[in-house]
PDB file of N, CA and C in Angstrom:
ATOM      1  N   MET A   1      90.954 108.830 128.273  1.00  0.00           N
ATOM      2  CA  MET A   1      91.185 107.900 127.178  1.00  0.00           C
ATOM      3  C   MET A   1      90.593 108.509 125.911  1.00  0.00           C
ATOM      4  N   MET A   2      91.354 108.565 124.872  1.00  0.00           N
ATOM      5  CA  MET A   2      90.899 109.106 123.603  1.00  0.00           C
ATOM      6  C   MET A   2      90.113 108.043 122.847  1.00  0.00           C
ATOM      7  N   ALA A   3      89.287 108.461 121.887  1.00  0.00           N
ATOM      8  CA  ALA A   3      88.480 107.522 121.109  1.00  0.00           C
ATOM      9  C   ALA A   3      89.353 106.492 120.402  1.00  0.00           C
ATOM     10  N   ASP A   4      90.531 106.904 119.968  1.00  0.00           N
ATOM     11  CA  ASP A   4      91.433 105.988 119.271  1.00  0.00           C
ATOM     12  C   ASP A   4      92.001 104.923 120.212  1.00  0.00           C
ATOM     13  N   ASP A   5      91.939 105.175 121.515  1.00  0.00           N
ATOM     14  CA  ASP A   5      92.487 104.246 122.497  1.00  0.00           C
ATOM     15  C   ASP A   5      91.442 103.283 123.045  1.00  0.00           C
ATOM     16  N   THR A   6      90.210 103.344 122.552  1.00  0.00           N
ATOM     17  CA  THR A   6      89.149 102.504 123.081  1.00  0.00           C
ATOM     18  C   THR A   6      89.463 101.031 122.831  1.00  0.00           C
ATOM     19  N   VAL A   7      89.322 100.238 123.884  1.00  0.00           N
ATOM     20  CA  VAL A   7      89.593  98.808 123.816  1.00  0.00           C
ATOM     21  C   VAL A   7      88.397  98.067 124.388  1.00  0.00           C
ATOM     22  N   PHE A   8      88.009  96.983 123.746  1.00  0.00           N
ATOM     23  CA  PHE A   8      86.926  96.136 124.214  1.00  0.00           C
ATOM     24  C   PHE A   8      87.501  94.795 124.650  1.00  0.00           C
ATOM     25  N   ILE A   9      86.846  94.174 125.614  1.00  0.00           N
ATOM     26  CA  ILE A   9      87.258  92.865 126.081  1.00  0.00           C
ATOM     27  C   ILE A   9      86.363  91.815 125.426  1.00  0.00           C
ATOM     28  N   VAL A  10      86.966  90.888 124.697  1.00  0.00           N
ATOM     29  CA  VAL A  10      86.230  89.824 124.023  1.00  0.00           C
ATOM     30  C   VAL A  10      86.685  88.495 124.610  1.00  0.00           C
ATOM     31  N   PRO A  11      85.767  87.762 125.276  1.00  0.00           N
ATOM     32  CA  PRO A  11      86.174  86.478 125.841  1.00  0.00           C
ATOM     33  C   PRO A  11      86.301  85.413 124.759  1.00  0.00           C
ATOM     34  N   CYS A  12      87.288  84.555 124.928  1.00  0.00           N
ATOM     35  CA  CYS A  12      87.471  83.433 124.016  1.00  0.00           C
ATOM     36  C   CYS A  12      86.385  82.403 124.285  1.00  0.00           C
ATOM     37  N   LEU A  13      85.755  81.915 123.229  1.00  0.00           N
ATOM     38  CA  LEU A  13      84.690  80.932 123.378  1.00  0.00           C
ATOM     39  C   LEU A  13      85.240  79.555 123.754  1.00  0.00           C
ATOM     40  N   ARG A  14      86.529  79.322 123.524  1.00  0.00           N
ATOM     41  CA  ARG A  14      87.132  78.025 123.831  1.00  0.00           C
ATOM     42  C   ARG A  14      87.701  77.987 125.252  1.00  0.00           C
ATOM     43  N   CYS A  15      88.573  78.943 125.602  1.00  0.00           N
ATOM     44  CA  CYS A  15      89.266  78.865 126.892  1.00  0.00           C
ATOM     45  C   CYS A  15      88.814  79.902 127.905  1.00  0.00           C
ATOM     46  N   GLY A  16      88.007  80.885 127.476  1.00  0.00           N
ATOM     47  CA  GLY A  16      87.491  81.889 128.392  1.00  0.00           C
ATOM     48  C   GLY A  16      88.425  83.057 128.662  1.00  0.00           C
ATOM     49  N   THR A  17      89.589  83.082 128.055  1.00  0.00           N
ATOM     50  CA  THR A  17      90.532  84.182 128.251  1.00  0.00           C
ATOM     51  C   THR A  17      89.939  85.493 127.762  1.00  0.00           C
ATOM     52  N   ALA A  18      90.121  86.548 128.538  1.00  0.00           N
ATOM     53  CA  ALA A  18      89.671  87.885 128.150  1.00  0.00           C
ATOM     54  C   ALA A  18      90.718  88.489 127.224  1.00  0.00           C
ATOM     55  N   ASN A  19      90.323  88.806 126.009  1.00  0.00           N
ATOM     56  CA  ASN A  19      91.228  89.366 125.002  1.00  0.00           C
ATOM     57  C   ASN A  19      90.888  90.824 124.775  1.00  0.00           C
ATOM     58  N   ARG A  20      91.896  91.668 124.736  1.00  0.00           N
ATOM     59  CA  ARG A  20      91.711  93.097 124.471  1.00  0.00           C
ATOM     60  C   ARG A  20      91.690  93.312 122.960  1.00  0.00           C
ATOM     61  N   VAL A  21      90.612  93.944 122.483  1.00  0.00           N
ATOM     62  CA  VAL A  21      90.458  94.208 121.055  1.00  0.00           C
ATOM     63  C   VAL A  21      90.271  95.708 120.868  1.00  0.00           C
ATOM     64  N   PRO A  22      91.165  96.369 120.129  1.00  0.00           N
ATOM     65  CA  PRO A  22      91.007  97.804 119.901  1.00  0.00           C
ATOM     66  C   PRO A  22      89.787  98.088 119.036  1.00  0.00           C
ATOM     67  N   ALA A  23      89.124  99.200 119.308  1.00  0.00           N
ATOM     68  CA  ALA A  23      87.931  99.583 118.557  1.00  0.00           C
ATOM     69  C   ALA A  23      88.219  99.722 117.067  1.00  0.00           C
ATOM     70  N   SER A  24      89.437 100.028 116.720  1.00  0.00           N
ATOM     71  CA  SER A  24      89.799 100.184 115.308  1.00  0.00           C
ATOM     72  C   SER A  24      89.721  98.862 114.547  1.00  0.00           C
ATOM     73  N   ARG A  25      89.614  97.730 115.249  1.00  0.00           N
ATOM     74  CA  ARG A  25      89.547  96.414 114.603  1.00  0.00           C
ATOM     75  C   ARG A  25      88.111  95.884 114.559  1.00  0.00           C
ATOM     76  N   GLU A  26      87.144  96.773 114.749  1.00  0.00           N
ATOM     77  CA  GLU A  26      85.743  96.366 114.749  1.00  0.00           C
ATOM     78  C   GLU A  26      85.374  95.653 113.452  1.00  0.00           C
ATOM     79  N   GLY A  27      84.641  94.545 113.603  1.00  0.00           N
ATOM     80  CA  GLY A  27      84.191  93.774 112.448  1.00  0.00           C
ATOM     81  C   GLY A  27      85.193  92.755 111.938  1.00  0.00           C
ATOM     82  N   GLU A  28      86.393  92.748 112.508  1.00  0.00           N
ATOM     83  CA  GLU A  28      87.424  91.806 112.085  1.00  0.00           C
ATOM     84  C   GLU A  28      87.507  90.649 113.082  1.00  0.00           C
ATOM     85  N   ALA A  29      87.657  89.452 112.578  1.00  0.00           N
ATOM     86  CA  ALA A  29      87.875  88.305 113.449  1.00  0.00           C
ATOM     87  C   ALA A  29      89.321  88.334 113.920  1.00  0.00           C
ATOM     88  N   GLY A  30      89.559  87.811 115.110  1.00  0.00           N
ATOM     89  CA  GLY A  30      90.914  87.772 115.641  1.00  0.00           C
ATOM     90  C   GLY A  30      91.230  86.389 116.174  1.00  0.00           C
ATOM     91  N   ARG A  31      92.320  86.289 116.909  1.00  0.00           N
ATOM     92  CA  ARG A  31      92.712  85.031 117.530  1.00  0.00           C
ATOM     93  C   ARG A  31      92.970  85.276 119.010  1.00  0.00           C
ATOM     94  N   CYS A  32      92.626  84.282 119.802  1.00  0.00           N
ATOM     95  CA  CYS A  32      92.848  84.341 121.242  1.00  0.00           C
ATOM     96  C   CYS A  32      94.344  84.388 121.520  1.00  0.00           C
ATOM     97  N   GLY A  33      94.760  85.249 122.424  1.00  0.00           N
ATOM     98  CA  GLY A  33      96.162  85.353 122.784  1.00  0.00           C
ATOM     99  C   GLY A  33      96.661  84.160 123.582  1.00  0.00           C
ATOM    100  N   ASN A  34      95.744  83.375 124.142  1.00  0.00           N
ATOM    101  CA  ASN A  34      96.134  82.227 124.956  1.00  0.00           C
ATOM    102  C   ASN A  34      96.136  80.924 124.149  1.00  0.00           C
ATOM    103  N   CYS A  35      94.979  80.555 123.592  1.00  0.00           N
ATOM    104  CA  CYS A  35      94.870  79.249 122.912  1.00  0.00           C
ATOM    105  C   CYS A  35      94.867  79.365 121.387  1.00  0.00           C
ATOM    106  N   HIS A  36      94.873  80.581 120.864  1.00  0.00           N
ATOM    107  CA  HIS A  36      94.920  80.872 119.430  1.00  0.00           C
ATOM    108  C   HIS A  36      93.666  80.447 118.670  1.00  0.00           C
ATOM    109  N   ALA A  37      92.561  80.218 119.394  1.00  0.00           N
ATOM    110  CA  ALA A  37      91.281  79.919 118.741  1.00  0.00           C
ATOM    111  C   ALA A  37      90.757  81.194 118.081  1.00  0.00           C
ATOM    112  N   ASP A  38      89.921  81.033 117.077  1.00  0.00           N
ATOM    113  CA  ASP A  38      89.316  82.190 116.424  1.00  0.00           C
ATOM    114  C   ASP A  38      88.405  82.921 117.397  1.00  0.00           C
ATOM    115  N   LEU A  39      88.487  84.251 117.398  1.00  0.00           N
ATOM    116  CA  LEU A  39      87.582  85.090 118.167  1.00  0.00           C
ATOM    117  C   LEU A  39      86.497  85.600 117.237  1.00  0.00           C
ATOM    118  N   PRO A  40      85.263  85.733 117.719  1.00  0.00           N
ATOM    119  CA  PRO A  40      84.211  86.267 116.863  1.00  0.00           C
ATOM    120  C   PRO A  40      84.484  87.733 116.551  1.00  0.00           C
ATOM    121  N   PRO A  41      84.061  88.199 115.383  1.00  0.00           N
ATOM    122  CA  PRO A  41      84.223  89.615 115.068  1.00  0.00           C
ATOM    123  C   PRO A  41      83.442  90.462 116.072  1.00  0.00           C
ATOM    124  N   LEU A  42      84.006  91.574 116.460  1.00  0.00           N
ATOM    125  CA  LEU A  42      83.376  92.494 117.391  1.00  0.00           C
ATOM    126  C   LEU A  42      82.564  93.520 116.613  1.00  0.00           C
ATOM    127  N   HIS A  43      81.298  93.650 116.967  1.00  0.00           N
ATOM    128  CA  HIS A  43      80.436  94.665 116.355  1.00  0.00           C
ATOM    129  C   HIS A  43      79.791  95.468 117.475  1.00  0.00           C
ATOM    130  N   THR A  44      80.166  96.734 117.611  1.00  0.00           N
ATOM    131  CA  THR A  44      79.588  97.584 118.642  1.00  0.00           C
ATOM    132  C   THR A  44      78.584  98.566 118.066  1.00  0.00           C
ATOM    133  N   MET A  45      78.606  98.726 116.780  1.00  0.00           N
ATOM    134  CA  MET A  45      77.680  99.640 116.108  1.00  0.00           C
ATOM    135  C   MET A  45      76.717  98.816 115.255  1.00  0.00           C
ATOM    136  N   PRO A  46      75.494  99.320 115.047  1.00  0.00           N
ATOM    137  CA  PRO A  46      74.528  98.580 114.220  1.00  0.00           C
ATOM    138  C   PRO A  46      75.048  98.367 112.800  1.00  0.00           C
ATOM    139  N   ILE A  47      74.671  97.237 112.243  1.00  0.00           N
ATOM    140  CA  ILE A  47      75.020  96.902 110.865  1.00  0.00           C
ATOM    141  C   ILE A  47      73.716  96.758 110.097  1.00  0.00           C
ATOM    142  N   THR A  48      73.613  97.420 108.976  1.00  0.00           N
ATOM    143  CA  THR A  48      72.420  97.306 108.151  1.00  0.00           C
ATOM    144  C   THR A  48      72.540  96.082 107.258  1.00  0.00           C
ATOM    145  N   LEU A  49      71.585  95.186 107.399  1.00  0.00           N
ATOM    146  CA  LEU A  49      71.548  93.975 106.581  1.00  0.00           C
ATOM    147  C   LEU A  49      70.275  93.988 105.761  1.00  0.00           C
ATOM    148  N   ASP A  50      70.271  93.264 104.671  1.00  0.00           N
ATOM    149  CA  ASP A  50      69.059  93.148 103.858  1.00  0.00           C
ATOM    150  C   ASP A  50      68.707  91.669 103.708  1.00  0.00           C
ATOM    151  N   SER A  51      67.712  91.383 102.917  1.00  0.00           N
ATOM    152  CA  SER A  51      67.251  89.997 102.791  1.00  0.00           C
ATOM    153  C   SER A  51      68.315  89.078 102.199  1.00  0.00           C
ATOM    154  N   SER A  52      69.264  89.622 101.465  1.00  0.00           N
ATOM    155  CA  SER A  52      70.301  88.774 100.872  1.00  0.00           C
ATOM    156  C   SER A  52      71.495  88.572 101.800  1.00  0.00           C
ATOM    157  N   SER A  53      71.662  89.409 102.831  1.00  0.00           N
ATOM    158  CA  SER A  53      72.822  89.280 103.707  1.00  0.00           C
ATOM    159  C   SER A  53      72.471  88.841 105.135  1.00  0.00           C
ATOM    160  N   PHE A  54      71.199  88.923 105.514  1.00  0.00           N
ATOM    161  CA  PHE A  54      70.810  88.625 106.889  1.00  0.00           C
ATOM    162  C   PHE A  54      71.117  87.184 107.293  1.00  0.00           C
ATOM    163  N   ASP A  55      70.637  86.212 106.534  1.00  0.00           N
ATOM    164  CA  ASP A  55      70.811  84.806 106.905  1.00  0.00           C
ATOM    165  C   ASP A  55      72.278  84.421 107.007  1.00  0.00           C
ATOM    166  N   SER A  56      73.089  84.843 106.072  1.00  0.00           N
ATOM    167  CA  SER A  56      74.502  84.456 106.107  1.00  0.00           C
ATOM    168  C   SER A  56      75.217  85.094 107.297  1.00  0.00           C
ATOM    169  N   PHE A  57      74.868  86.334 107.645  1.00  0.00           N
ATOM    170  CA  PHE A  57      75.483  86.999 108.790  1.00  0.00           C
ATOM    171  C   PHE A  57      75.106  86.292 110.085  1.00  0.00           C
ATOM    172  N   VAL A  58      73.827  86.030 110.282  1.00  0.00           N
ATOM    173  CA  VAL A  58      73.352  85.390 111.507  1.00  0.00           C
ATOM    174  C   VAL A  58      73.878  83.965 111.617  1.00  0.00           C
ATOM    175  N   ASN A  59      73.860  83.215 110.535  1.00  0.00           N
ATOM    176  CA  ASN A  59      74.324  81.823 110.568  1.00  0.00           C
ATOM    177  C   ASN A  59      75.834  81.723 110.807  1.00  0.00           C
ATOM    178  N   ALA A  60      76.590  82.715 110.387  1.00  0.00           N
ATOM    179  CA  ALA A  60      78.044  82.684 110.566  1.00  0.00           C
ATOM    180  C   ALA A  60      78.477  83.172 111.945  1.00  0.00           C
ATOM    181  N   SER A  61      77.585  83.807 112.681  1.00  0.00           N
ATOM    182  CA  SER A  61      77.953  84.363 113.979  1.00  0.00           C
ATOM    183  C   SER A  61      77.991  83.276 115.048  1.00  0.00           C
ATOM    184  N   PRO A  62      79.123  83.157 115.754  1.00  0.00           N
ATOM    185  CA  PRO A  62      79.207  82.164 116.822  1.00  0.00           C
ATOM    186  C   PRO A  62      78.592  82.657 118.133  1.00  0.00           C
ATOM    187  N   VAL A  63      78.179  83.905 118.160  1.00  0.00           N
ATOM    188  CA  VAL A  63      77.571  84.500 119.355  1.00  0.00           C
ATOM    189  C   VAL A  63      76.161  84.980 119.007  1.00  0.00           C
ATOM    190  N   PRO A  64      75.311  85.211 120.014  1.00  0.00           N
ATOM    191  CA  PRO A  64      73.951  85.689 119.731  1.00  0.00           C
ATOM    192  C   PRO A  64      73.958  87.019 118.965  1.00  0.00           C
ATOM    193  N   VAL A  65      72.951  87.193 118.137  1.00  0.00           N
ATOM    194  CA  VAL A  65      72.792  88.412 117.345  1.00  0.00           C
ATOM    195  C   VAL A  65      71.487  89.081 117.756  1.00  0.00           C
ATOM    196  N   MET A  66      71.540  90.375 118.021  1.00  0.00           N
ATOM    197  CA  MET A  66      70.333  91.122 118.327  1.00  0.00           C
ATOM    198  C   MET A  66      69.886  91.830 117.043  1.00  0.00           C
ATOM    199  N   ALA A  67      68.635  91.629 116.679  1.00  0.00           N
ATOM    200  CA  ALA A  67      68.121  92.220 115.434  1.00  0.00           C
ATOM    201  C   ALA A  67      66.934  93.119 115.744  1.00  0.00           C
ATOM    202  N   GLU A  68      66.850  94.211 115.012  1.00  0.00           N
ATOM    203  CA  GLU A  68      65.719  95.107 115.106  1.00  0.00           C
ATOM    204  C   GLU A  68      65.104  95.187 113.709  1.00  0.00           C
ATOM    205  N   PHE A  69      63.820  94.915 113.630  1.00  0.00           N
ATOM    206  CA  PHE A  69      63.122  94.946 112.357  1.00  0.00           C
ATOM    207  C   PHE A  69      62.167  96.117 112.338  1.00  0.00           C
ATOM    208  N   TRP A  70      62.009  96.734 111.198  1.00  0.00           N
ATOM    209  CA  TRP A  70      61.063  97.825 111.062  1.00  0.00           C
ATOM    210  C   TRP A  70      60.520  97.806 109.651  1.00  0.00           C
ATOM    211  N   ALA A  71      59.422  98.455 109.477  1.00  0.00           N
ATOM    212  CA  ALA A  71      58.797  98.565 108.152  1.00  0.00           C
ATOM    213  C   ALA A  71      58.304  99.991 107.974  1.00  0.00           C
ATOM    214  N   PRO A  72      58.446 100.524 106.785  1.00  0.00           N
ATOM    215  CA  PRO A  72      57.929 101.871 106.540  1.00  0.00           C
ATOM    216  C   PRO A  72      56.408 101.862 106.592  1.00  0.00           C
ATOM    217  N   TRP A  73      55.850 102.988 106.886  1.00  0.00           N
ATOM    218  CA  TRP A  73      54.390 103.120 106.993  1.00  0.00           C
ATOM    219  C   TRP A  73      53.805 102.864 105.685  1.00  0.00           C
TER     220      TRP A  73
END
């Protein structure tokens, strides 16, 4: 499988249907192929957020968000 062919499975939060999402659509919201409910955006790579974007990103996410915090020495 080539990198361009990478597909992720995103379950629908409403009906549980497994939806195939191509890696090229990362960060974009989609719709369930079964019930047409909104699918959460897929993020497989880290996203850099700052104090002005963190709260809005986390509050808008319908799924858990993993965060890593660090501070310079």
